[in-house]
Amino acid sequence: MHEKEREIIHQFVTNFFAPLFFVSIGLRVHFIENFDLSIVLIVLILAYVGKVLGASIGAYFGGMTRKHSLAVGFGMNARGAMEIILGTLALNAGLISAPVFVALVIMALVTSLTSGPLMKRFI
């Protein structure tokens, strides 16, 4: 498959199926009703500390400067799609509650939106 064909397929999947996936998630859970600020804050703090600190320490011990290590940490923090998918599976299996699922979705969105500007700050 040529690169141009691959790009066309990628754009179609990204622009058609991804929004449908997120709409289907929104239809499963009432976000306003299940919003719990304390759970959201706990999940956000754990996500930032765990992902940024873990990746930054690894990058630093790998020989990067402190600033570049933090950029790597914030880059690794922007992995929201996987958390949403795993959260959906856990919610469907009854492993987590709706408020925890809402917190995971918010965490995925916030970390994905803030990672680019934070990476730019440290590079």
PDB file of N, CA and C in Angstrom:
ATOM      1  N   MET A   1       0.849  -1.165   0.000  1.00  0.00           N
ATOM      2  CA  MET A   1       0.000   0.000   0.000  1.00  0.00           C
ATOM      3  C   MET A   1       0.902   1.238   0.000  1.00  0.00           C
ATOM      4  N   HIS A   2       0.584   2.174  -0.844  1.00  0.00           N
ATOM      5  CA  HIS A   2       1.374   3.404  -0.932  1.00  0.00           C
ATOM      6  C   HIS A   2       1.054   4.329   0.231  1.00  0.00           C
ATOM      7  N   GLU A   3       1.978   5.215   0.478  1.00  0.00           N
ATOM      8  CA  GLU A   3       1.845   6.132   1.619  1.00  0.00           C
ATOM      9  C   GLU A   3       0.602   7.015   1.492  1.00  0.00           C
ATOM     10  N   LYS A   4       0.289   7.467   0.287  1.00  0.00           N
ATOM     11  CA  LYS A   4      -0.880   8.333   0.093  1.00  0.00           C
ATOM     12  C   LYS A   4      -2.177   7.586   0.415  1.00  0.00           C
ATOM     13  N   GLU A   5      -2.270   6.321  -0.003  1.00  0.00           N
ATOM     14  CA  GLU A   5      -3.456   5.510   0.301  1.00  0.00           C
ATOM     15  C   GLU A   5      -3.573   5.261   1.800  1.00  0.00           C
ATOM     16  N   ARG A   6      -2.461   5.005   2.414  1.00  0.00           N
ATOM     17  CA  ARG A   6      -2.436   4.774   3.868  1.00  0.00           C
ATOM     18  C   ARG A   6      -2.919   6.019   4.614  1.00  0.00           C
ATOM     19  N   GLU A   7      -2.486   7.185   4.160  1.00  0.00           N
ATOM     20  CA  GLU A   7      -2.894   8.438   4.788  1.00  0.00           C
ATOM     21  C   GLU A   7      -4.394   8.681   4.613  1.00  0.00           C
ATOM     22  N   ILE A   8      -4.935   8.364   3.453  1.00  0.00           N
ATOM     23  CA  ILE A   8      -6.373   8.534   3.206  1.00  0.00           C
ATOM     24  C   ILE A   8      -7.173   7.635   4.150  1.00  0.00           C
ATOM     25  N   ILE A   9      -6.756   6.386   4.293  1.00  0.00           N
ATOM     26  CA  ILE A   9      -7.446   5.454   5.197  1.00  0.00           C
ATOM     27  C   ILE A   9      -7.332   5.940   6.636  1.00  0.00           C
ATOM     28  N   HIS A  10      -6.153   6.391   7.015  1.00  0.00           N
ATOM     29  CA  HIS A  10      -5.934   6.890   8.379  1.00  0.00           C
ATOM     30  C   HIS A  10      -6.849   8.084   8.664  1.00  0.00           C
ATOM     31  N   GLN A  11      -6.926   9.022   7.732  1.00  0.00           N
ATOM     32  CA  GLN A  11      -7.785  10.194   7.910  1.00  0.00           C
ATOM     33  C   GLN A  11      -9.254   9.795   8.016  1.00  0.00           C
ATOM     34  N   PHE A  12      -9.681   8.827   7.214  1.00  0.00           N
ATOM     35  CA  PHE A  12     -11.072   8.373   7.260  1.00  0.00           C
ATOM     36  C   PHE A  12     -11.391   7.756   8.619  1.00  0.00           C
ATOM     37  N   VAL A  13     -10.534   6.880   9.067  1.00  0.00           N
ATOM     38  CA  VAL A  13     -10.759   6.216  10.352  1.00  0.00           C
ATOM     39  C   VAL A  13     -10.748   7.237  11.483  1.00  0.00           C
ATOM     40  N   THR A  14      -9.771   8.137  11.453  1.00  0.00           N
ATOM     41  CA  THR A  14      -9.649   9.140  12.508  1.00  0.00           C
ATOM     42  C   THR A  14     -10.839  10.098  12.534  1.00  0.00           C
ATOM     43  N   ASN A  15     -11.279  10.519  11.369  1.00  0.00           N
ATOM     44  CA  ASN A  15     -12.333  11.532  11.306  1.00  0.00           C
ATOM     45  C   ASN A  15     -13.745  10.957  11.322  1.00  0.00           C
ATOM     46  N   PHE A  16     -13.896   9.671  11.104  1.00  0.00           N
ATOM     47  CA  PHE A  16     -15.232   9.073  11.079  1.00  0.00           C
ATOM     48  C   PHE A  16     -15.483   8.172  12.289  1.00  0.00           C
ATOM     49  N   PHE A  17     -14.615   7.190  12.500  1.00  0.00           N
ATOM     50  CA  PHE A  17     -14.870   6.215  13.554  1.00  0.00           C
ATOM     51  C   PHE A  17     -14.534   6.722  14.953  1.00  0.00           C
ATOM     52  N   ALA A  18     -13.472   7.509  15.097  1.00  0.00           N
ATOM     53  CA  ALA A  18     -13.107   8.008  16.425  1.00  0.00           C
ATOM     54  C   ALA A  18     -14.214   8.863  17.037  1.00  0.00           C
ATOM     55  N   PRO A  19     -14.792   9.813  16.307  1.00  0.00           N
ATOM     56  CA  PRO A  19     -15.904  10.568  16.909  1.00  0.00           C
ATOM     57  C   PRO A  19     -17.096   9.688  17.279  1.00  0.00           C
ATOM     58  N   LEU A  20     -17.377   8.676  16.474  1.00  0.00           N
ATOM     59  CA  LEU A  20     -18.471   7.755  16.807  1.00  0.00           C
ATOM     60  C   LEU A  20     -18.190   7.016  18.106  1.00  0.00           C
ATOM     61  N   PHE A  21     -16.938   6.636  18.310  1.00  0.00           N
ATOM     62  CA  PHE A  21     -16.554   5.954  19.544  1.00  0.00           C
ATOM     63  C   PHE A  21     -16.789   6.860  20.753  1.00  0.00           C
ATOM     64  N   PHE A  22     -16.376   8.128  20.648  1.00  0.00           N
ATOM     65  CA  PHE A  22     -16.544   9.036  21.772  1.00  0.00           C
ATOM     66  C   PHE A  22     -18.007   9.385  22.008  1.00  0.00           C
ATOM     67  N   VAL A  23     -18.793   9.458  20.964  1.00  0.00           N
ATOM     68  CA  VAL A  23     -20.234   9.687  21.127  1.00  0.00           C
ATOM     69  C   VAL A  23     -20.866   8.506  21.835  1.00  0.00           C
ATOM     70  N   SER A  24     -20.461   7.291  21.468  1.00  0.00           N
ATOM     71  CA  SER A  24     -21.029   6.103  22.126  1.00  0.00           C
ATOM     72  C   SER A  24     -20.684   6.085  23.611  1.00  0.00           C
ATOM     73  N   ILE A  25     -19.511   6.576  23.975  1.00  0.00           N
ATOM     74  CA  ILE A  25     -19.134   6.666  25.387  1.00  0.00           C
ATOM     75  C   ILE A  25     -20.031   7.677  26.095  1.00  0.00           C
ATOM     76  N   GLY A  26     -20.237   8.818  25.451  1.00  0.00           N
ATOM     77  CA  GLY A  26     -21.074   9.857  26.048  1.00  0.00           C
ATOM     78  C   GLY A  26     -22.510   9.415  26.249  1.00  0.00           C
ATOM     79  N   LEU A  27     -22.986   8.497  25.418  1.00  0.00           N
ATOM     80  CA  LEU A  27     -24.360   8.022  25.546  1.00  0.00           C
ATOM     81  C   LEU A  27     -24.524   7.000  26.674  1.00  0.00           C
ATOM     82  N   ARG A  28     -23.434   6.407  27.126  1.00  0.00           N
ATOM     83  CA  ARG A  28     -23.500   5.382  28.169  1.00  0.00           C
ATOM     84  C   ARG A  28     -23.626   5.953  29.572  1.00  0.00           C
ATOM     85  N   VAL A  29     -23.006   7.088  29.802  1.00  0.00           N
ATOM     86  CA  VAL A  29     -22.919   7.633  31.154  1.00  0.00           C
ATOM     87  C   VAL A  29     -23.352   9.100  31.134  1.00  0.00           C
ATOM     88  N   HIS A  30     -24.148   9.474  32.104  1.00  0.00           N
ATOM     89  CA  HIS A  30     -24.552  10.872  32.266  1.00  0.00           C
ATOM     90  C   HIS A  30     -23.440  11.580  33.036  1.00  0.00           C
ATOM     91  N   PHE A  31     -22.644  12.385  32.321  1.00  0.00           N
ATOM     92  CA  PHE A  31     -21.438  12.963  32.903  1.00  0.00           C
ATOM     93  C   PHE A  31     -21.721  13.973  34.003  1.00  0.00           C
ATOM     94  N   ILE A  32     -22.718  14.813  33.841  1.00  0.00           N
ATOM     95  CA  ILE A  32     -23.010  15.836  34.853  1.00  0.00           C
ATOM     96  C   ILE A  32     -23.493  15.175  36.144  1.00  0.00           C
ATOM     97  N   GLU A  33     -24.353  14.202  35.987  1.00  0.00           N
ATOM     98  CA  GLU A  33     -24.926  13.514  37.149  1.00  0.00           C
ATOM     99  C   GLU A  33     -23.875  12.715  37.920  1.00  0.00           C
ATOM    100  N   ASN A  34     -22.883  12.172  37.219  1.00  0.00           N
ATOM    101  CA  ASN A  34     -21.867  11.314  37.849  1.00  0.00           C
ATOM    102  C   ASN A  34     -20.552  12.029  38.107  1.00  0.00           C
ATOM    103  N   PHE A  35     -20.540  13.347  37.966  1.00  0.00           N
ATOM    104  CA  PHE A  35     -19.318  14.114  38.210  1.00  0.00           C
ATOM    105  C   PHE A  35     -19.083  14.254  39.709  1.00  0.00           C
ATOM    106  N   ASP A  36     -17.890  13.865  40.158  1.00  0.00           N
ATOM    107  CA  ASP A  36     -17.494  13.995  41.559  1.00  0.00           C
ATOM    108  C   ASP A  36     -16.116  14.656  41.580  1.00  0.00           C
ATOM    109  N   LEU A  37     -16.069  15.910  42.002  1.00  0.00           N
ATOM    110  CA  LEU A  37     -14.833  16.688  41.940  1.00  0.00           C
ATOM    111  C   LEU A  37     -13.690  16.027  42.706  1.00  0.00           C
ATOM    112  N   SER A  38     -13.973  15.452  43.857  1.00  0.00           N
ATOM    113  CA  SER A  38     -12.895  14.834  44.647  1.00  0.00           C
ATOM    114  C   SER A  38     -12.283  13.644  43.901  1.00  0.00           C
ATOM    115  N   ILE A  39     -13.096  12.826  43.265  1.00  0.00           N
ATOM    116  CA  ILE A  39     -12.564  11.692  42.506  1.00  0.00           C
ATOM    117  C   ILE A  39     -11.776  12.188  41.300  1.00  0.00           C
ATOM    118  N   VAL A  40     -12.290  13.211  40.625  1.00  0.00           N
ATOM    119  CA  VAL A  40     -11.589  13.768  39.462  1.00  0.00           C
ATOM    120  C   VAL A  40     -10.223  14.305  39.877  1.00  0.00           C
ATOM    121  N   LEU A  41     -10.155  15.045  40.975  1.00  0.00           N
ATOM    122  CA  LEU A  41      -8.877  15.603  41.425  1.00  0.00           C
ATOM    123  C   LEU A  41      -7.891  14.510  41.820  1.00  0.00           C
ATOM    124  N   ILE A  42      -8.371  13.492  42.509  1.00  0.00           N
ATOM    125  CA  ILE A  42      -7.489  12.377  42.900  1.00  0.00           C
ATOM    126  C   ILE A  42      -6.930  11.689  41.664  1.00  0.00           C
ATOM    127  N   VAL A  43      -7.794  11.407  40.695  1.00  0.00           N
ATOM    128  CA  VAL A  43      -7.347  10.728  39.471  1.00  0.00           C
ATOM    129  C   VAL A  43      -6.372  11.610  38.692  1.00  0.00           C
ATOM    130  N   LEU A  44      -6.654  12.915  38.592  1.00  0.00           N
ATOM    131  CA  LEU A  44      -5.743  13.820  37.885  1.00  0.00           C
ATOM    132  C   LEU A  44      -4.374  13.890  38.561  1.00  0.00           C
ATOM    133  N   ILE A  45      -4.357  14.010  39.862  1.00  0.00           N
ATOM    134  CA  ILE A  45      -3.081  14.084  40.587  1.00  0.00           C
ATOM    135  C   ILE A  45      -2.297  12.794  40.413  1.00  0.00           C
ATOM    136  N   LEU A  46      -2.962  11.659  40.577  1.00  0.00           N
ATOM    137  CA  LEU A  46      -2.268  10.380  40.408  1.00  0.00           C
ATOM    138  C   LEU A  46      -1.737  10.200  38.989  1.00  0.00           C
ATOM    139  N   ALA A  47      -2.518  10.633  38.005  1.00  0.00           N
ATOM    140  CA  ALA A  47      -2.083  10.499  36.610  1.00  0.00           C
ATOM    141  C   ALA A  47      -0.855  11.354  36.340  1.00  0.00           C
ATOM    142  N   TYR A  48      -0.911  12.613  36.761  1.00  0.00           N
ATOM    143  CA  TYR A  48       0.236  13.495  36.522  1.00  0.00           C
ATOM    144  C   TYR A  48       1.476  13.013  37.265  1.00  0.00           C
ATOM    145  N   VAL A  49       1.329  12.726  38.529  1.00  0.00           N
ATOM    146  CA  VAL A  49       2.491  12.319  39.315  1.00  0.00           C
ATOM    147  C   VAL A  49       3.052  10.997  38.794  1.00  0.00           C
ATOM    148  N   GLY A  50       2.179  10.032  38.578  1.00  0.00           N
ATOM    149  CA  GLY A  50       2.647   8.716  38.142  1.00  0.00           C
ATOM    150  C   GLY A  50       3.294   8.728  36.774  1.00  0.00           C
ATOM    151  N   LYS A  51       2.615   9.312  35.796  1.00  0.00           N
ATOM    152  CA  LYS A  51       3.138   9.270  34.432  1.00  0.00           C
ATOM    153  C   LYS A  51       4.286  10.250  34.216  1.00  0.00           C
ATOM    154  N   VAL A  52       4.133  11.485  34.665  1.00  0.00           N
ATOM    155  CA  VAL A  52       5.177  12.478  34.428  1.00  0.00           C
ATOM    156  C   VAL A  52       6.428  12.146  35.227  1.00  0.00           C
ATOM    157  N   LEU A  53       6.268  11.851  36.494  1.00  0.00           N
ATOM    158  CA  LEU A  53       7.418  11.550  37.332  1.00  0.00           C
ATOM    159  C   LEU A  53       8.120  10.272  36.871  1.00  0.00           C
ATOM    160  N   GLY A  54       7.342   9.239  36.595  1.00  0.00           N
ATOM    161  CA  GLY A  54       7.939   7.970  36.169  1.00  0.00           C
ATOM    162  C   GLY A  54       8.722   8.096  34.871  1.00  0.00           C
ATOM    163  N   ALA A  55       8.136   8.732  33.872  1.00  0.00           N
ATOM    164  CA  ALA A  55       8.816   8.881  32.586  1.00  0.00           C
ATOM    165  C   ALA A  55       9.987   9.851  32.688  1.00  0.00           C
ATOM    166  N   SER A  56       9.834  10.901  33.480  1.00  0.00           N
ATOM    167  CA  SER A  56      10.909  11.883  33.631  1.00  0.00           C
ATOM    168  C   SER A  56      12.126  11.270  34.317  1.00  0.00           C
ATOM    169  N   ILE A  57      11.893  10.501  35.342  1.00  0.00           N
ATOM    170  CA  ILE A  57      13.012   9.853  36.042  1.00  0.00           C
ATOM    171  C   ILE A  57      13.734   8.888  35.110  1.00  0.00           C
ATOM    172  N   GLY A  58      12.967   8.119  34.356  1.00  0.00           N
ATOM    173  CA  GLY A  58      13.581   7.192  33.402  1.00  0.00           C
ATOM    174  C   GLY A  58      14.401   7.923  32.348  1.00  0.00           C
ATOM    175  N   ALA A  59      13.872   9.022  31.831  1.00  0.00           N
ATOM    176  CA  ALA A  59      14.600   9.803  30.824  1.00  0.00           C
ATOM    177  C   ALA A  59      15.853  10.435  31.425  1.00  0.00           C
ATOM    178  N   TYR A  60      15.759  10.897  32.660  1.00  0.00           N
ATOM    179  CA  TYR A  60      16.910  11.519  33.320  1.00  0.00           C
ATOM    180  C   TYR A  60      18.022  10.499  33.541  1.00  0.00           C
ATOM    181  N   PHE A  61      17.659   9.320  34.033  1.00  0.00           N
ATOM    182  CA  PHE A  61      18.660   8.275  34.230  1.00  0.00           C
ATOM    183  C   PHE A  61      19.181   7.737  32.899  1.00  0.00           C
ATOM    184  N   GLY A  62      18.429   7.976  31.831  1.00  0.00           N
ATOM    185  CA  GLY A  62      18.877   7.584  30.501  1.00  0.00           C
ATOM    186  C   GLY A  62      19.840   8.586  29.884  1.00  0.00           C
ATOM    187  N   GLY A  63      20.121   9.681  30.586  1.00  0.00           N
ATOM    188  CA  GLY A  63      21.122  10.625  30.118  1.00  0.00           C
ATOM    189  C   GLY A  63      20.593  11.949  29.619  1.00  0.00           C
ATOM    190  N   MET A  64      19.300  12.189  29.711  1.00  0.00           N
ATOM    191  CA  MET A  64      18.745  13.460  29.249  1.00  0.00           C
ATOM    192  C   MET A  64      18.901  14.529  30.330  1.00  0.00           C
ATOM    193  N   THR A  65      18.840  15.783  29.889  1.00  0.00           N
ATOM    194  CA  THR A  65      18.875  16.885  30.850  1.00  0.00           C
ATOM    195  C   THR A  65      17.562  16.901  31.633  1.00  0.00           C
ATOM    196  N   ARG A  66      17.551  17.660  32.718  1.00  0.00           N
ATOM    197  CA  ARG A  66      16.352  17.744  33.557  1.00  0.00           C
ATOM    198  C   ARG A  66      15.163  18.304  32.772  1.00  0.00           C
ATOM    199  N   LYS A  67      15.392  19.374  31.991  1.00  0.00           N
ATOM    200  CA  LYS A  67      14.307  19.978  31.217  1.00  0.00           C
ATOM    201  C   LYS A  67      13.785  19.025  30.148  1.00  0.00           C
ATOM    202  N   HIS A  68      14.690  18.379  29.438  1.00  0.00           N
ATOM    203  CA  HIS A  68      14.248  17.436  28.404  1.00  0.00           C
ATOM    204  C   HIS A  68      13.570  16.214  29.019  1.00  0.00           C
ATOM    205  N   SER A  69      14.009  15.822  30.200  1.00  0.00           N
ATOM    206  CA  SER A  69      13.357  14.706  30.897  1.00  0.00           C
ATOM    207  C   SER A  69      11.917  15.050  31.242  1.00  0.00           C
ATOM    208  N   LEU A  70      11.684  16.274  31.685  1.00  0.00           N
ATOM    209  CA  LEU A  70      10.318  16.703  31.975  1.00  0.00           C
ATOM    210  C   LEU A  70       9.476  16.761  30.701  1.00  0.00           C
ATOM    211  N   ALA A  71      10.078  17.163  29.595  1.00  0.00           N
ATOM    212  CA  ALA A  71       9.355  17.175  28.320  1.00  0.00           C
ATOM    213  C   ALA A  71       8.935  15.757  27.940  1.00  0.00           C
ATOM    214  N   VAL A  72       9.817  14.796  28.150  1.00  0.00           N
ATOM    215  CA  VAL A  72       9.476  13.394  27.889  1.00  0.00           C
ATOM    216  C   VAL A  72       8.335  12.961  28.810  1.00  0.00           C
ATOM    217  N   GLY A  73       8.418  13.342  30.074  1.00  0.00           N
ATOM    218  CA  GLY A  73       7.366  12.991  31.028  1.00  0.00           C
ATOM    219  C   GLY A  73       6.012  13.525  30.623  1.00  0.00           C
ATOM    220  N   PHE A  74       5.951  14.783  30.206  1.00  0.00           N
ATOM    221  CA  PHE A  74       4.674  15.353  29.774  1.00  0.00           C
ATOM    222  C   PHE A  74       4.220  14.749  28.450  1.00  0.00           C
ATOM    223  N   GLY A  75       5.174  14.360  27.612  1.00  0.00           N
ATOM    224  CA  GLY A  75       4.805  13.684  26.371  1.00  0.00           C
ATOM    225  C   GLY A  75       4.163  12.331  26.632  1.00  0.00           C
ATOM    226  N   MET A  76       4.668  11.623  27.608  1.00  0.00           N
ATOM    227  CA  MET A  76       4.084  10.320  27.961  1.00  0.00           C
ATOM    228  C   MET A  76       2.750  10.476  28.669  1.00  0.00           C
ATOM    229  N   ASN A  77       2.496  11.641  29.207  1.00  0.00           N
ATOM    230  CA  ASN A  77       1.261  11.902  29.929  1.00  0.00           C
ATOM    231  C   ASN A  77       0.061  11.994  28.990  1.00  0.00           C
ATOM    232  N   ALA A  78       0.298  12.251  27.720  1.00  0.00           N
ATOM    233  CA  ALA A  78      -0.785  12.490  26.755  1.00  0.00           C
ATOM    234  C   ALA A  78      -1.249  11.199  26.095  1.00  0.00           C
ATOM    235  N   ARG A  79      -1.594  10.233  26.858  1.00  0.00           N
ATOM    236  CA  ARG A  79      -2.029   8.955  26.296  1.00  0.00           C
ATOM    237  C   ARG A  79      -3.459   8.675  26.743  1.00  0.00           C
ATOM    238  N   GLY A  80      -4.366   9.592  26.417  1.00  0.00           N
ATOM    239  CA  GLY A  80      -5.726   9.523  26.920  1.00  0.00           C
ATOM    240  C   GLY A  80      -6.621   8.479  26.285  1.00  0.00           C
ATOM    241  N   ALA A  81      -6.392   8.145  25.022  1.00  0.00           N
ATOM    242  CA  ALA A  81      -7.294   7.219  24.338  1.00  0.00           C
ATOM    243  C   ALA A  81      -7.295   5.843  25.003  1.00  0.00           C
ATOM    244  N   MET A  82      -6.140   5.380  25.412  1.00  0.00           N
ATOM    245  CA  MET A  82      -6.062   4.052  26.038  1.00  0.00           C
ATOM    246  C   MET A  82      -6.808   4.032  27.367  1.00  0.00           C
ATOM    247  N   GLU A  83      -6.698   5.104  28.137  1.00  0.00           N
ATOM    248  CA  GLU A  83      -7.414   5.151  29.414  1.00  0.00           C
ATOM    249  C   GLU A  83      -8.926   5.132  29.194  1.00  0.00           C
ATOM    250  N   ILE A  84      -9.393   5.814  28.162  1.00  0.00           N
ATOM    251  CA  ILE A  84     -10.825   5.824  27.877  1.00  0.00           C
ATOM    252  C   ILE A  84     -11.299   4.435  27.454  1.00  0.00           C
ATOM    253  N   ILE A  85     -10.517   3.771  26.634  1.00  0.00           N
ATOM    254  CA  ILE A  85     -10.890   2.425  26.191  1.00  0.00           C
ATOM    255  C   ILE A  85     -10.906   1.459  27.371  1.00  0.00           C
ATOM    256  N   LEU A  86      -9.864   1.483  28.180  1.00  0.00           N
ATOM    257  CA  LEU A  86      -9.820   0.588  29.345  1.00  0.00           C
ATOM    258  C   LEU A  86     -10.903   0.935  30.357  1.00  0.00           C
ATOM    259  N   GLY A  87     -11.172   2.233  30.528  1.00  0.00           N
ATOM    260  CA  GLY A  87     -12.248   2.653  31.422  1.00  0.00           C
ATOM    261  C   GLY A  87     -13.601   2.153  30.943  1.00  0.00           C
ATOM    262  N   THR A  88     -13.822   2.197  29.642  1.00  0.00           N
ATOM    263  CA  THR A  88     -15.077   1.694  29.071  1.00  0.00           C
ATOM    264  C   THR A  88     -15.228   0.206  29.334  1.00  0.00           C
ATOM    265  N   LEU A  89     -14.159  -0.541  29.123  1.00  0.00           N
ATOM    266  CA  LEU A  89     -14.204  -1.988  29.387  1.00  0.00           C
ATOM    267  C   LEU A  89     -14.450  -2.271  30.866  1.00  0.00           C
ATOM    268  N   ALA A  90     -13.785  -1.523  31.735  1.00  0.00           N
ATOM    269  CA  ALA A  90     -13.954  -1.721  33.181  1.00  0.00           C
ATOM    270  C   ALA A  90     -15.366  -1.352  33.620  1.00  0.00           C
ATOM    271  N   LEU A  91     -15.919  -0.295  33.061  1.00  0.00           N
ATOM    272  CA  LEU A  91     -17.296   0.101  33.389  1.00  0.00           C
ATOM    273  C   LEU A  91     -18.284  -0.962  32.939  1.00  0.00           C
ATOM    274  N   ASN A  92     -18.104  -1.466  31.723  1.00  0.00           N
ATOM    275  CA  ASN A  92     -18.997  -2.503  31.201  1.00  0.00           C
ATOM    276  C   ASN A  92     -18.900  -3.796  32.000  1.00  0.00           C
ATOM    277  N   ALA A  93     -17.716  -4.082  32.531  1.00  0.00           N
ATOM    278  CA  ALA A  93     -17.525  -5.299  33.324  1.00  0.00           C
ATOM    279  C   ALA A  93     -17.939  -5.113  34.778  1.00  0.00           C
ATOM    280  N   GLY A  94     -18.307  -3.894  35.168  1.00  0.00           N
ATOM    281  CA  GLY A  94     -18.715  -3.630  36.537  1.00  0.00           C
ATOM    282  C   GLY A  94     -17.561  -3.480  37.511  1.00  0.00           C
ATOM    283  N   LEU A  95     -16.358  -3.242  36.989  1.00  0.00           N
ATOM    284  CA  LEU A  95     -15.185  -3.117  37.857  1.00  0.00           C
ATOM    285  C   LEU A  95     -15.042  -1.721  38.456  1.00  0.00           C
ATOM    286  N   ILE A  96     -15.592  -0.717  37.768  1.00  0.00           N
ATOM    287  CA  ILE A  96     -15.545   0.648  38.279  1.00  0.00           C
ATOM    288  C   ILE A  96     -16.948   1.247  38.222  1.00  0.00           C
ATOM    289  N   SER A  97     -17.143   2.286  39.003  1.00  0.00           N
ATOM    290  CA  SER A  97     -18.441   2.968  39.020  1.00  0.00           C
ATOM    291  C   SER A  97     -18.468   4.069  37.963  1.00  0.00           C
ATOM    292  N   ALA A  98     -19.650   4.597  37.720  1.00  0.00           N
ATOM    293  CA  ALA A  98     -19.804   5.676  36.746  1.00  0.00           C
ATOM    294  C   ALA A  98     -19.013   6.931  37.140  1.00  0.00           C
ATOM    295  N   PRO A  99     -18.988   7.337  38.434  1.00  0.00           N
ATOM    296  CA  PRO A  99     -18.167   8.504  38.786  1.00  0.00           C
ATOM    297  C   PRO A  99     -16.670   8.299  38.532  1.00  0.00           C
ATOM    298  N   VAL A 100     -16.175   7.101  38.741  1.00  0.00           N
ATOM    299  CA  VAL A 100     -14.766   6.821  38.456  1.00  0.00           C
ATOM    300  C   VAL A 100     -14.526   6.870  36.948  1.00  0.00           C
ATOM    301  N   PHE A 101     -15.462   6.347  36.167  1.00  0.00           N
ATOM    302  CA  PHE A 101     -15.343   6.392  34.713  1.00  0.00           C
ATOM    303  C   PHE A 101     -15.318   7.840  34.225  1.00  0.00           C
ATOM    304  N   VAL A 102     -16.207   8.671  34.756  1.00  0.00           N
ATOM    305  CA  VAL A 102     -16.230  10.093  34.374  1.00  0.00           C
ATOM    306  C   VAL A 102     -14.888  10.739  34.719  1.00  0.00           C
ATOM    307  N   ALA A 103     -14.337  10.421  35.874  1.00  0.00           N
ATOM    308  CA  ALA A 103     -13.039  10.966  36.271  1.00  0.00           C
ATOM    309  C   ALA A 103     -11.942  10.515  35.306  1.00  0.00           C
ATOM    310  N   LEU A 104     -11.986   9.269  34.855  1.00  0.00           N
ATOM    311  CA  LEU A 104     -10.990   8.767  33.903  1.00  0.00           C
ATOM    312  C   LEU A 104     -11.091   9.490  32.566  1.00  0.00           C
ATOM    313  N   VAL A 105     -12.309   9.725  32.110  1.00  0.00           N
ATOM    314  CA  VAL A 105     -12.489  10.431  30.835  1.00  0.00           C
ATOM    315  C   VAL A 105     -11.985  11.868  30.954  1.00  0.00           C
ATOM    316  N   ILE A 106     -12.314  12.537  32.042  1.00  0.00           N
ATOM    317  CA  ILE A 106     -11.843  13.914  32.246  1.00  0.00           C
ATOM    318  C   ILE A 106     -10.320  13.940  32.342  1.00  0.00           C
ATOM    319  N   MET A 107      -9.745  12.978  33.052  1.00  0.00           N
ATOM    320  CA  MET A 107      -8.293  12.901  33.165  1.00  0.00           C
ATOM    321  C   MET A 107      -7.663  12.719  31.791  1.00  0.00           C
ATOM    322  N   ALA A 108      -8.231  11.845  30.969  1.00  0.00           N
ATOM    323  CA  ALA A 108      -7.690  11.616  29.638  1.00  0.00           C
ATOM    324  C   ALA A 108      -7.731  12.891  28.802  1.00  0.00           C
ATOM    325  N   LEU A 109      -8.817  13.625  28.893  1.00  0.00           N
ATOM    326  CA  LEU A 109      -8.939  14.870  28.129  1.00  0.00           C
ATOM    327  C   LEU A 109      -7.979  15.940  28.632  1.00  0.00           C
ATOM    328  N   VAL A 110      -7.919  16.121  29.951  1.00  0.00           N
ATOM    329  CA  VAL A 110      -7.065  17.166  30.517  1.00  0.00           C
ATOM    330  C   VAL A 110      -5.590  16.876  30.248  1.00  0.00           C
ATOM    331  N   THR A 111      -5.158  15.651  30.458  1.00  0.00           N
ATOM    332  CA  THR A 111      -3.742  15.335  30.238  1.00  0.00           C
ATOM    333  C   THR A 111      -3.377  15.444  28.765  1.00  0.00           C
ATOM    334  N   SER A 112      -4.288  15.070  27.881  1.00  0.00           N
ATOM    335  CA  SER A 112      -4.002  15.177  26.446  1.00  0.00           C
ATOM    336  C   SER A 112      -3.930  16.636  26.000  1.00  0.00           C
ATOM    337  N   LEU A 113      -4.814  17.470  26.524  1.00  0.00           N
ATOM    338  CA  LEU A 113      -4.836  18.882  26.128  1.00  0.00           C
ATOM    339  C   LEU A 113      -3.680  19.687  26.709  1.00  0.00           C
ATOM    340  N   THR A 114      -3.197  19.312  27.877  1.00  0.00           N
ATOM    341  CA  THR A 114      -2.141  20.100  28.521  1.00  0.00           C
ATOM    342  C   THR A 114      -0.737  19.625  28.184  1.00  0.00           C
ATOM    343  N   SER A 115      -0.589  18.440  27.653  1.00  0.00           N
ATOM    344  CA  SER A 115       0.749  17.911  27.425  1.00  0.00           C
ATOM    345  C   SER A 115       1.543  18.682  26.386  1.00  0.00           C
ATOM    346  N   GLY A 116       0.898  19.078  25.284  1.00  0.00           N
ATOM    347  CA  GLY A 116       1.619  19.825  24.244  1.00  0.00           C
ATOM    348  C   GLY A 116       2.211  21.130  24.766  1.00  0.00           C
ATOM    349  N   PRO A 117       1.401  21.992  25.376  1.00  0.00           N
ATOM    350  CA  PRO A 117       1.976  23.249  25.908  1.00  0.00           C
ATOM    351  C   PRO A 117       3.034  23.008  26.980  1.00  0.00           C
ATOM    352  N   LEU A 118       2.852  21.995  27.816  1.00  0.00           N
ATOM    353  CA  LEU A 118       3.847  21.731  28.856  1.00  0.00           C
ATOM    354  C   LEU A 118       5.133  21.183  28.273  1.00  0.00           C
ATOM    355  N   MET A 119       5.030  20.338  27.248  1.00  0.00           N
ATOM    356  CA  MET A 119       6.238  19.849  26.572  1.00  0.00           C
ATOM    357  C   MET A 119       6.993  21.018  25.942  1.00  0.00           C
ATOM    358  N   LYS A 120       6.251  21.898  25.294  1.00  0.00           N
ATOM    359  CA  LYS A 120       6.869  23.046  24.637  1.00  0.00           C
ATOM    360  C   LYS A 120       7.612  23.922  25.640  1.00  0.00           C
ATOM    361  N   ARG A 121       7.071  24.037  26.824  1.00  0.00           N
ATOM    362  CA  ARG A 121       7.712  24.862  27.845  1.00  0.00           C
ATOM    363  C   ARG A 121       9.082  24.323  28.243  1.00  0.00           C
ATOM    364  N   PHE A 122       9.260  23.003  28.225  1.00  0.00           N
ATOM    365  CA  PHE A 122      10.512  22.405  28.683  1.00  0.00           C
ATOM    366  C   PHE A 122      11.479  22.074  27.559  1.00  0.00           C
ATOM    367  N   ILE A 123      11.088  22.325  26.330  1.00  0.00           N
ATOM    368  CA  ILE A 123      12.008  22.048  25.207  1.00  0.00           C
ATOM    369  C   ILE A 123      12.617  23.358  24.731  1.00  0.00           C
TER     370      ILE A 123
END
